[in-house]
Amino acid sequence: MALANRFALPRLVSGPIVDEPVTVVVPARDEAPRIASIVSDLRAQRGLRRLRVVIFDDDSSDGTADLAAATAGTDERFTVVRSTEPPPPGWTGKAAACAAAVARAGSAVDTGSVVFVDADVRLAPDALAAAVALLRRQDAALVSPFPYQQTGSVLERLVQPLLFWSWFALLPVALSHRTRRPSMAVACGQFLVFDAHSYTAVGGHATVAASPTEDLDLARALRHAGLRTTAAAAGRMASCRMYDGPRPLVGGYTRWLWSAFGSPTGAAAVVGLSALSYLVPPIAAVLGDGRTRRWGMAGAAAAMLSRILARTTERGGRRGRARPSQLTGDVLEAAAHPASILAFGALTASSFRARRSGRALWKARVLP
C-alpha cells in the first residue's frame, strides 16, 4: 500500500499564478517564538495576485499580536486581530478562533479560496500558490497538504512520523480521492486549503465547534455533502515542528487521541491490531526459529519499508532527495517502529484517562 501511495499521492508543484482571491487565516495562542516566522513566510508568498491574511491572536499572554503586527509592518494585506474573549460554550479554542477570523475577513471569503495555516508551519515562497492550484486541478472542496514533520527529541522521532505513516501505509489514496466516503477522508489541520464557497456551504468551523479533530471532521462534513477532498505531500514547500519536546507532545496527543477511533472499543481494536501487526513479527524474528523466524523477519522488514517509504514521500516527493544523514535517520526511525507502536498505545491510554477525569487540556483550556 505504501509503495502504491508513493506514486498515487499528489504533490505541490511550484510555478502557477493564482488570480482568484486567497484569504489566509492563522489562529495563534501564545505563539511568540513562532509567529514572526509564519508572518514572514506569508509576506514572501509569490504567484498570488490577491492575498489577504488575518492573524487571529486568541487571548495570548506572551505578546503574540504585537510581534505579528511588528513583522507585518505596513503590509496592507495583513490584519492582526487581538481577542481577549474566551471560546463560546461548547467550542474549542482553535475552532472559535478560526470562525472569528473568517467573520472578520467578511465578504473576502465569499469567493476564491480560504486557507488555514498553523503558526508553527514554515512555508516556501510558492507554497500557497501551489496548494490553491492543486485545489483547482483536483476540482476539490478541500486540499490538505501535509507538511513535513520536523522532530527533535527521541519521543518526537518515535511518534511524529506516525502522523503521516498511519494513513499512508494503510489507506488506498487513489480510491480515497475518487470516493466521497467520509470514513476515507484524510486531513491535517496544520495546512488546509478550502474552496471558499464549499467551506461556507457546510457551515465552516461552526460545524465542528466542539471537535478536538476539527480538521478531519471538516473533511468528513464536506464528503457528507457530496464534495471531494484530497490530501497531498507538501514536504518540499511546507514543514512543521509540531511539538517542541516530550512534554508538549504528550499534552498535544492526550487532548485528542481519545476521539480518533470513535469509541474506547474502537481505540482498543486499533491499538490491539497495531500490536499484533508490528510487535509480534520482530518478537518472532528474535525468539522464533526456522519458518517462524523467517516470517517474523519478513513482517518486520515490511514494516520498516513502509516507514521509510512514508518518511521519504513526506519529505520531498517520489525521489525524496534526502541527504545521506536523513536517510540514516529514516532507517533508524523505521527500525524503532515497535517502540513507536508502544508509544502510540501509551498515548492513547493516557488520552482516555485524561478525558474521563476532565483533565484534557490544550493551551491552558479544558476541552469541551
Protein backbone atom coordinates (compact mmCIF):
# COMPACT_ATOMS: atom_id res chain seq x y z
CA MET A 1 0.00 0.00 0.00
CA ALA A 2 2.79 2.43 0.86
CA LEU A 3 4.52 1.71 -2.44
CA ALA A 4 1.30 2.30 -4.41
CA ASN A 5 0.60 5.51 -2.50
CA ARG A 6 4.09 6.81 -3.21
CA PHE A 7 3.02 7.14 -6.85
CA ALA A 8 -0.66 8.00 -6.28
CA LEU A 9 -0.32 10.84 -3.77
CA PRO A 10 -0.42 14.33 -5.35
CA ARG A 11 2.47 16.76 -4.71
CA LEU A 12 2.59 20.53 -4.61
CA VAL A 13 4.23 21.89 -7.76
CA SER A 14 5.69 25.39 -7.94
CA GLY A 15 5.13 27.79 -10.78
CA PRO A 16 1.41 28.57 -11.17
CA ILE A 17 -0.02 32.08 -10.99
CA VAL A 18 -3.28 32.28 -9.00
CA ASP A 19 -5.73 35.03 -9.96
CA GLU A 20 -8.53 34.24 -7.50
CA PRO A 21 -8.82 35.86 -4.05
CA VAL A 22 -6.92 33.89 -1.38
CA THR A 23 -7.69 34.55 2.29
CA VAL A 24 -5.27 33.07 4.82
CA VAL A 25 -6.17 32.62 8.49
CA VAL A 26 -3.51 31.99 11.15
CA PRO A 27 -5.03 31.13 14.56
CA ALA A 28 -2.45 31.84 17.26
CA ARG A 29 -2.40 31.48 21.03
CA ASP A 30 0.88 32.04 22.88
CA GLU A 31 2.93 31.66 19.71
CA ALA A 32 5.54 34.37 20.33
CA PRO A 33 8.52 32.11 19.42
CA ARG A 34 6.97 31.22 16.05
CA ILE A 35 4.61 33.95 14.88
CA ALA A 36 7.26 36.14 13.23
CA SER A 37 8.43 33.24 11.07
CA ILE A 38 5.00 32.40 9.66
CA VAL A 39 4.19 36.09 9.06
CA SER A 40 7.49 36.49 7.20
CA ASP A 41 6.79 33.38 5.15
CA LEU A 42 3.34 34.68 4.22
CA ARG A 43 4.72 38.07 3.22
CA ALA A 44 7.17 36.29 0.90
CA GLN A 45 4.49 34.30 -0.95
CA ARG A 46 4.51 34.74 -4.70
CA GLY A 47 2.21 33.78 -7.55
CA LEU A 48 -0.86 35.24 -5.76
CA ARG A 49 -2.44 38.32 -7.28
CA ARG A 50 -5.00 38.83 -4.47
CA LEU A 51 -3.88 37.79 -1.00
CA ARG A 52 -5.35 38.72 2.37
CA VAL A 53 -4.04 37.42 5.71
CA VAL A 54 -5.79 37.53 9.08
CA ILE A 55 -3.63 36.75 12.12
CA PHE A 56 -6.02 35.99 14.99
CA ASP A 57 -4.45 36.24 18.43
CA ASP A 58 -6.60 34.14 20.74
CA ASP A 59 -6.02 35.87 24.10
CA SER A 60 -2.27 35.27 24.15
CA SER A 61 -0.26 36.23 27.23
CA ASP A 62 3.15 36.46 25.53
CA GLY A 63 2.78 39.37 23.11
CA THR A 64 1.93 37.28 20.04
CA ALA A 65 -0.23 40.02 18.49
CA ASP A 66 2.42 42.72 18.93
CA LEU A 67 5.10 40.55 17.33
CA ALA A 68 2.79 39.68 14.43
CA ALA A 69 1.96 43.33 13.84
CA ALA A 70 5.61 44.36 14.00
CA THR A 71 6.58 41.69 11.48
CA ALA A 72 3.71 42.55 9.12
CA GLY A 73 4.73 46.20 9.27
CA THR A 74 2.87 48.37 6.78
CA ASP A 75 1.83 45.46 4.55
CA GLU A 76 -1.81 46.27 3.81
CA ARG A 77 -2.60 42.64 3.03
CA PHE A 78 -2.26 41.76 6.73
CA THR A 79 -4.74 42.26 9.56
CA VAL A 80 -3.83 41.38 13.13
CA VAL A 81 -6.79 40.79 15.44
CA ARG A 82 -6.36 40.57 19.20
CA SER A 83 -9.17 38.83 21.09
CA THR A 84 -9.50 38.59 24.86
CA GLU A 85 -12.78 36.68 24.80
CA PRO A 86 -12.89 33.00 25.82
CA PRO A 87 -14.35 30.50 23.34
CA PRO A 88 -18.15 30.30 23.39
CA PRO A 89 -19.56 27.37 25.42
CA GLY A 90 -19.17 24.13 23.50
CA TRP A 91 -16.37 25.42 21.26
CA THR A 92 -12.71 24.52 21.22
CA GLY A 93 -10.34 27.48 21.18
CA LYS A 94 -9.00 26.76 17.71
CA ALA A 95 -12.41 26.34 16.08
CA ALA A 96 -13.63 29.55 17.71
CA ALA A 97 -10.53 31.47 16.60
CA CYS A 98 -10.83 30.23 13.01
CA ALA A 99 -14.54 31.09 12.85
CA ALA A 100 -13.96 34.56 14.34
CA ALA A 101 -11.13 35.25 11.89
CA VAL A 102 -13.30 34.25 8.94
CA ALA A 103 -16.06 36.51 10.23
CA ARG A 104 -13.56 39.36 10.50
CA ALA A 105 -12.49 38.78 6.87
CA GLY A 106 -16.15 39.29 5.86
CA SER A 107 -17.04 39.14 2.18
CA ALA A 108 -13.44 38.35 1.26
CA VAL A 109 -14.13 34.66 1.91
CA ASP A 110 -17.28 34.51 -0.19
CA THR A 111 -15.25 33.69 -3.31
CA GLY A 112 -11.90 32.15 -4.13
CA SER A 113 -10.17 30.05 -1.51
CA VAL A 114 -9.66 30.21 2.23
CA VAL A 115 -6.52 28.77 3.79
CA PHE A 116 -5.85 27.88 7.43
CA VAL A 117 -2.21 27.65 8.49
CA ASP A 118 -0.88 26.96 11.98
CA ALA A 119 1.69 29.34 13.43
CA ASP A 120 4.35 26.61 13.67
CA VAL A 121 4.28 25.84 9.93
CA ARG A 122 7.07 27.10 7.65
CA LEU A 123 6.18 27.82 4.03
CA ALA A 124 8.32 28.09 0.92
CA PRO A 125 7.51 31.13 -1.28
CA ASP A 126 5.46 29.08 -3.77
CA ALA A 127 3.54 27.01 -1.20
CA LEU A 128 0.20 28.84 -1.22
CA ALA A 129 0.01 29.29 -4.98
CA ALA A 130 0.88 25.62 -5.49
CA ALA A 131 -1.73 24.49 -2.96
CA VAL A 132 -4.53 26.61 -4.45
CA ALA A 133 -3.59 25.48 -7.96
CA LEU A 134 -3.79 21.85 -6.81
CA LEU A 135 -7.22 22.52 -5.27
CA ARG A 136 -8.46 23.68 -8.66
CA ARG A 137 -6.75 20.93 -10.65
CA GLN A 138 -8.34 18.33 -8.40
CA ASP A 139 -11.74 20.07 -8.62
CA ALA A 140 -11.92 19.63 -4.85
CA ALA A 141 -13.59 21.39 -1.95
CA LEU A 142 -10.53 20.79 0.24
CA VAL A 143 -6.87 20.03 -0.29
CA SER A 144 -4.86 19.09 2.78
CA PRO A 145 -1.14 19.43 2.01
CA PHE A 146 0.75 17.52 4.72
CA PRO A 147 3.80 19.45 5.94
CA TYR A 148 6.97 17.51 6.63
CA GLN A 149 7.08 16.81 10.37
CA GLN A 150 10.29 18.13 11.88
CA THR A 151 11.47 16.33 15.01
CA GLY A 152 13.98 16.91 17.79
CA SER A 153 13.66 14.76 20.90
CA VAL A 154 13.64 10.96 20.89
CA LEU A 155 9.92 10.84 21.65
CA GLU A 156 9.18 13.19 18.75
CA ARG A 157 11.15 10.94 16.41
CA LEU A 158 9.19 7.93 17.63
CA VAL A 159 5.74 9.49 17.38
CA GLN A 160 5.62 12.33 14.85
CA PRO A 161 6.33 10.26 11.70
CA LEU A 162 3.23 8.20 12.59
CA LEU A 163 1.06 11.21 11.73
CA PHE A 164 1.76 10.69 8.02
CA TRP A 165 2.56 6.98 8.04
CA SER A 166 -0.66 5.95 9.83
CA TRP A 167 -2.79 6.61 6.77
CA PHE A 168 -0.14 6.49 4.04
CA ALA A 169 0.64 2.82 4.76
CA LEU A 170 -2.98 1.71 5.17
CA LEU A 171 -5.33 3.83 3.04
CA PRO A 172 -5.51 3.41 -0.77
CA VAL A 173 -5.05 7.04 -1.78
CA ALA A 174 -6.22 6.58 -5.38
CA LEU A 175 -9.52 5.11 -4.15
CA SER A 176 -9.86 7.61 -1.31
CA HIS A 177 -9.59 10.54 -3.72
CA ARG A 178 -12.24 9.09 -6.06
CA THR A 179 -14.81 8.25 -3.40
CA ARG A 180 -16.89 10.58 -1.23
CA ARG A 181 -16.94 8.16 1.72
CA PRO A 182 -16.38 10.16 4.94
CA SER A 183 -14.57 7.20 6.52
CA MET A 184 -11.80 7.52 3.90
CA ALA A 185 -11.20 11.24 4.38
CA VAL A 186 -7.71 12.46 5.33
CA ALA A 187 -6.77 15.91 6.61
CA CYS A 188 -4.07 17.68 8.60
CA GLY A 189 -5.12 20.88 10.37
CA GLN A 190 -1.65 22.39 10.09
CA PHE A 191 -2.35 23.42 6.48
CA LEU A 192 -5.87 23.33 4.98
CA VAL A 193 -6.94 24.86 1.66
CA PHE A 194 -10.70 25.18 1.07
CA ASP A 195 -12.83 26.31 -1.80
CA ALA A 196 -14.44 29.27 -0.03
CA HIS A 197 -17.98 28.55 -1.25
CA SER A 198 -17.79 24.91 -0.15
CA TYR A 199 -16.38 25.86 3.26
CA THR A 200 -19.25 28.27 3.84
CA ALA A 201 -21.87 25.86 2.46
CA VAL A 202 -21.14 23.20 5.11
CA GLY A 203 -21.16 25.74 7.93
CA GLY A 204 -17.41 26.27 8.32
CA HIS A 205 -15.89 25.73 11.74
CA ALA A 206 -19.28 26.08 13.43
CA THR A 207 -20.00 22.58 12.11
CA VAL A 208 -17.10 21.17 14.15
CA ALA A 209 -17.18 23.61 17.07
CA ALA A 210 -16.57 21.04 19.82
CA SER A 211 -14.33 18.65 17.89
CA PRO A 212 -10.74 18.13 19.04
CA THR A 213 -10.04 16.87 15.49
CA GLU A 214 -11.76 19.68 13.60
CA ASP A 215 -9.59 19.15 10.52
CA LEU A 216 -10.73 15.59 9.92
CA ASP A 217 -14.34 16.35 10.84
CA LEU A 218 -14.45 19.25 8.37
CA ALA A 219 -13.21 16.91 5.64
CA ARG A 220 -15.92 14.43 6.61
CA ALA A 221 -18.59 17.14 6.59
CA LEU A 222 -17.59 18.09 3.05
CA ARG A 223 -17.80 14.48 1.96
CA HIS A 224 -21.20 14.08 3.62
CA ALA A 225 -22.26 16.98 1.39
CA GLY A 226 -21.06 15.06 -1.68
CA LEU A 227 -17.92 17.15 -2.17
CA ARG A 228 -14.40 15.99 -2.93
CA THR A 229 -11.45 16.23 -0.54
CA THR A 230 -7.85 15.25 -1.21
CA ALA A 231 -4.54 15.01 0.61
CA ALA A 232 -1.14 15.89 -0.80
CA ALA A 233 2.54 15.72 0.11
CA ALA A 234 3.92 19.20 0.82
CA GLY A 235 7.37 18.33 2.14
CA ARG A 236 9.30 20.46 -0.35
CA MET A 237 7.16 23.52 0.39
CA ALA A 238 5.89 23.16 3.97
CA SER A 239 7.28 21.81 7.23
CA CYS A 240 6.23 21.90 10.86
CA ARG A 241 7.83 21.34 14.26
CA MET A 242 4.52 20.44 15.85
CA TYR A 243 5.80 19.87 19.39
CA ASP A 244 8.99 21.24 20.88
CA GLY A 245 9.96 18.39 23.20
CA PRO A 246 8.38 15.44 25.01
CA ARG A 247 6.09 17.32 27.41
CA PRO A 248 4.24 19.37 24.75
CA LEU A 249 3.95 16.23 22.61
CA VAL A 250 2.31 14.22 25.40
CA GLY A 251 -0.05 17.11 26.14
CA GLY A 252 -0.91 17.54 22.48
CA TYR A 253 -1.77 13.92 21.77
CA THR A 254 -3.54 13.50 25.10
CA ARG A 255 -6.05 16.17 24.13
CA TRP A 256 -7.36 14.39 21.02
CA LEU A 257 -6.37 10.73 20.65
CA TRP A 258 -9.44 9.67 22.64
CA SER A 259 -11.60 10.96 19.77
CA ALA A 260 -9.68 9.40 16.90
CA PHE A 261 -11.32 5.98 16.78
CA GLY A 262 -14.97 6.61 17.59
CA SER A 263 -15.11 4.87 20.96
CA PRO A 264 -12.94 3.13 23.58
CA THR A 265 -13.74 -0.16 21.87
CA GLY A 266 -12.58 1.20 18.54
CA ALA A 267 -9.39 2.53 20.10
CA ALA A 268 -8.71 -0.81 21.79
CA ALA A 269 -9.20 -2.59 18.46
CA VAL A 270 -6.78 -0.26 16.64
CA VAL A 271 -4.13 -0.49 19.35
CA GLY A 272 -4.55 -4.27 19.54
CA LEU A 273 -4.27 -4.75 15.78
CA SER A 274 -1.25 -2.47 15.68
CA ALA A 275 0.44 -4.53 18.38
CA LEU A 276 -0.37 -7.75 16.54
CA SER A 277 0.91 -6.41 13.22
CA TYR A 278 4.02 -4.57 14.36
CA LEU A 279 5.15 -6.13 17.65
CA VAL A 280 4.64 -9.84 17.04
CA PRO A 281 6.80 -10.08 13.86
CA PRO A 282 10.01 -8.63 15.42
CA ILE A 283 9.48 -10.78 18.51
CA ALA A 284 9.14 -13.82 16.26
CA ALA A 285 12.24 -12.77 14.33
CA VAL A 286 14.29 -12.68 17.53
CA LEU A 287 12.80 -15.53 19.55
CA GLY A 288 11.42 -17.86 16.89
CA ASP A 289 13.21 -20.48 14.88
CA GLY A 290 13.01 -21.88 11.39
CA ARG A 291 9.91 -20.85 9.47
CA THR A 292 8.58 -18.71 12.33
CA ARG A 293 11.76 -16.65 12.37
CA ARG A 294 11.70 -16.18 8.59
CA TRP A 295 8.10 -14.96 8.64
CA GLY A 296 8.93 -12.68 11.56
CA MET A 297 11.86 -11.17 9.67
CA ALA A 298 9.66 -10.65 6.59
CA GLY A 299 6.98 -8.93 8.66
CA ALA A 300 9.46 -6.67 10.45
CA ALA A 301 11.13 -5.77 7.14
CA ALA A 302 7.76 -4.89 5.57
CA ALA A 303 7.00 -2.53 8.46
CA MET A 304 10.40 -0.86 8.12
CA LEU A 305 9.97 -0.45 4.37
CA SER A 306 6.55 1.17 4.80
CA ARG A 307 8.01 3.63 7.32
CA ILE A 308 10.90 4.55 5.01
CA LEU A 309 8.58 5.00 2.01
CA ALA A 310 6.27 7.20 4.09
CA ARG A 311 9.04 9.38 5.52
CA THR A 312 10.81 9.96 2.21
CA THR A 313 7.50 10.70 0.45
CA GLU A 314 6.52 13.08 3.24
CA ARG A 315 9.85 14.88 2.91
CA GLY A 316 10.02 15.51 -0.77
CA GLY A 317 8.03 13.50 -3.26
CA ARG A 318 8.75 10.45 -5.32
CA ARG A 319 12.51 10.84 -5.40
CA GLY A 320 12.81 12.00 -1.80
CA ARG A 321 16.15 13.82 -2.43
CA ALA A 322 17.25 13.07 1.10
CA ARG A 323 20.77 13.66 2.30
CA PRO A 324 22.66 10.55 3.49
CA SER A 325 22.25 11.69 7.09
CA GLN A 326 18.50 12.00 6.57
CA LEU A 327 18.26 8.52 5.08
CA THR A 328 20.24 7.15 8.00
CA GLY A 329 17.77 8.83 10.34
CA ASP A 330 14.86 7.39 8.37
CA VAL A 331 16.26 3.88 8.70
CA LEU A 332 16.85 4.28 12.43
CA GLU A 333 13.31 5.59 12.93
CA ALA A 334 11.95 2.68 10.91
CA ALA A 335 13.96 0.16 12.93
CA ALA A 336 12.41 1.65 16.08
CA HIS A 337 8.88 1.15 14.74
CA PRO A 338 7.90 -1.32 17.51
CA ALA A 339 8.81 1.34 20.08
CA SER A 340 6.69 3.83 18.12
CA ILE A 341 3.70 1.49 18.36
CA LEU A 342 4.21 1.12 22.10
CA ALA A 343 4.38 4.91 22.49
CA PHE A 344 1.21 5.28 20.42
CA GLY A 345 -0.60 2.79 22.66
CA ALA A 346 0.56 4.56 25.82
CA LEU A 347 -0.52 7.97 24.50
CA THR A 348 -3.94 6.60 23.53
CA ALA A 349 -4.47 5.16 27.01
CA SER A 350 -3.32 8.44 28.59
CA SER A 351 -5.76 10.38 26.41
CA PHE A 352 -8.72 8.29 27.55
CA ARG A 353 -7.71 8.66 31.20
CA ALA A 354 -7.47 12.44 30.84
CA ARG A 355 -10.84 12.60 29.08
CA ARG A 356 -12.60 10.57 31.77
CA SER A 357 -11.11 12.68 34.57
CA GLY A 358 -11.80 16.02 32.85
CA ARG A 359 -8.08 16.77 32.54
CA ALA A 360 -7.99 17.02 28.74
CA LEU A 361 -6.37 20.43 28.34
CA TRP A 362 -4.91 22.42 25.49
CA LYS A 363 -3.31 25.84 25.76
CA ALA A 364 -4.45 26.01 29.42
CA ARG A 365 -8.10 25.43 28.48
CA VAL A 366 -10.31 22.47 29.33
CA LEU A 367 -11.67 20.93 26.15
CA PRO A 368 -15.48 20.79 25.76
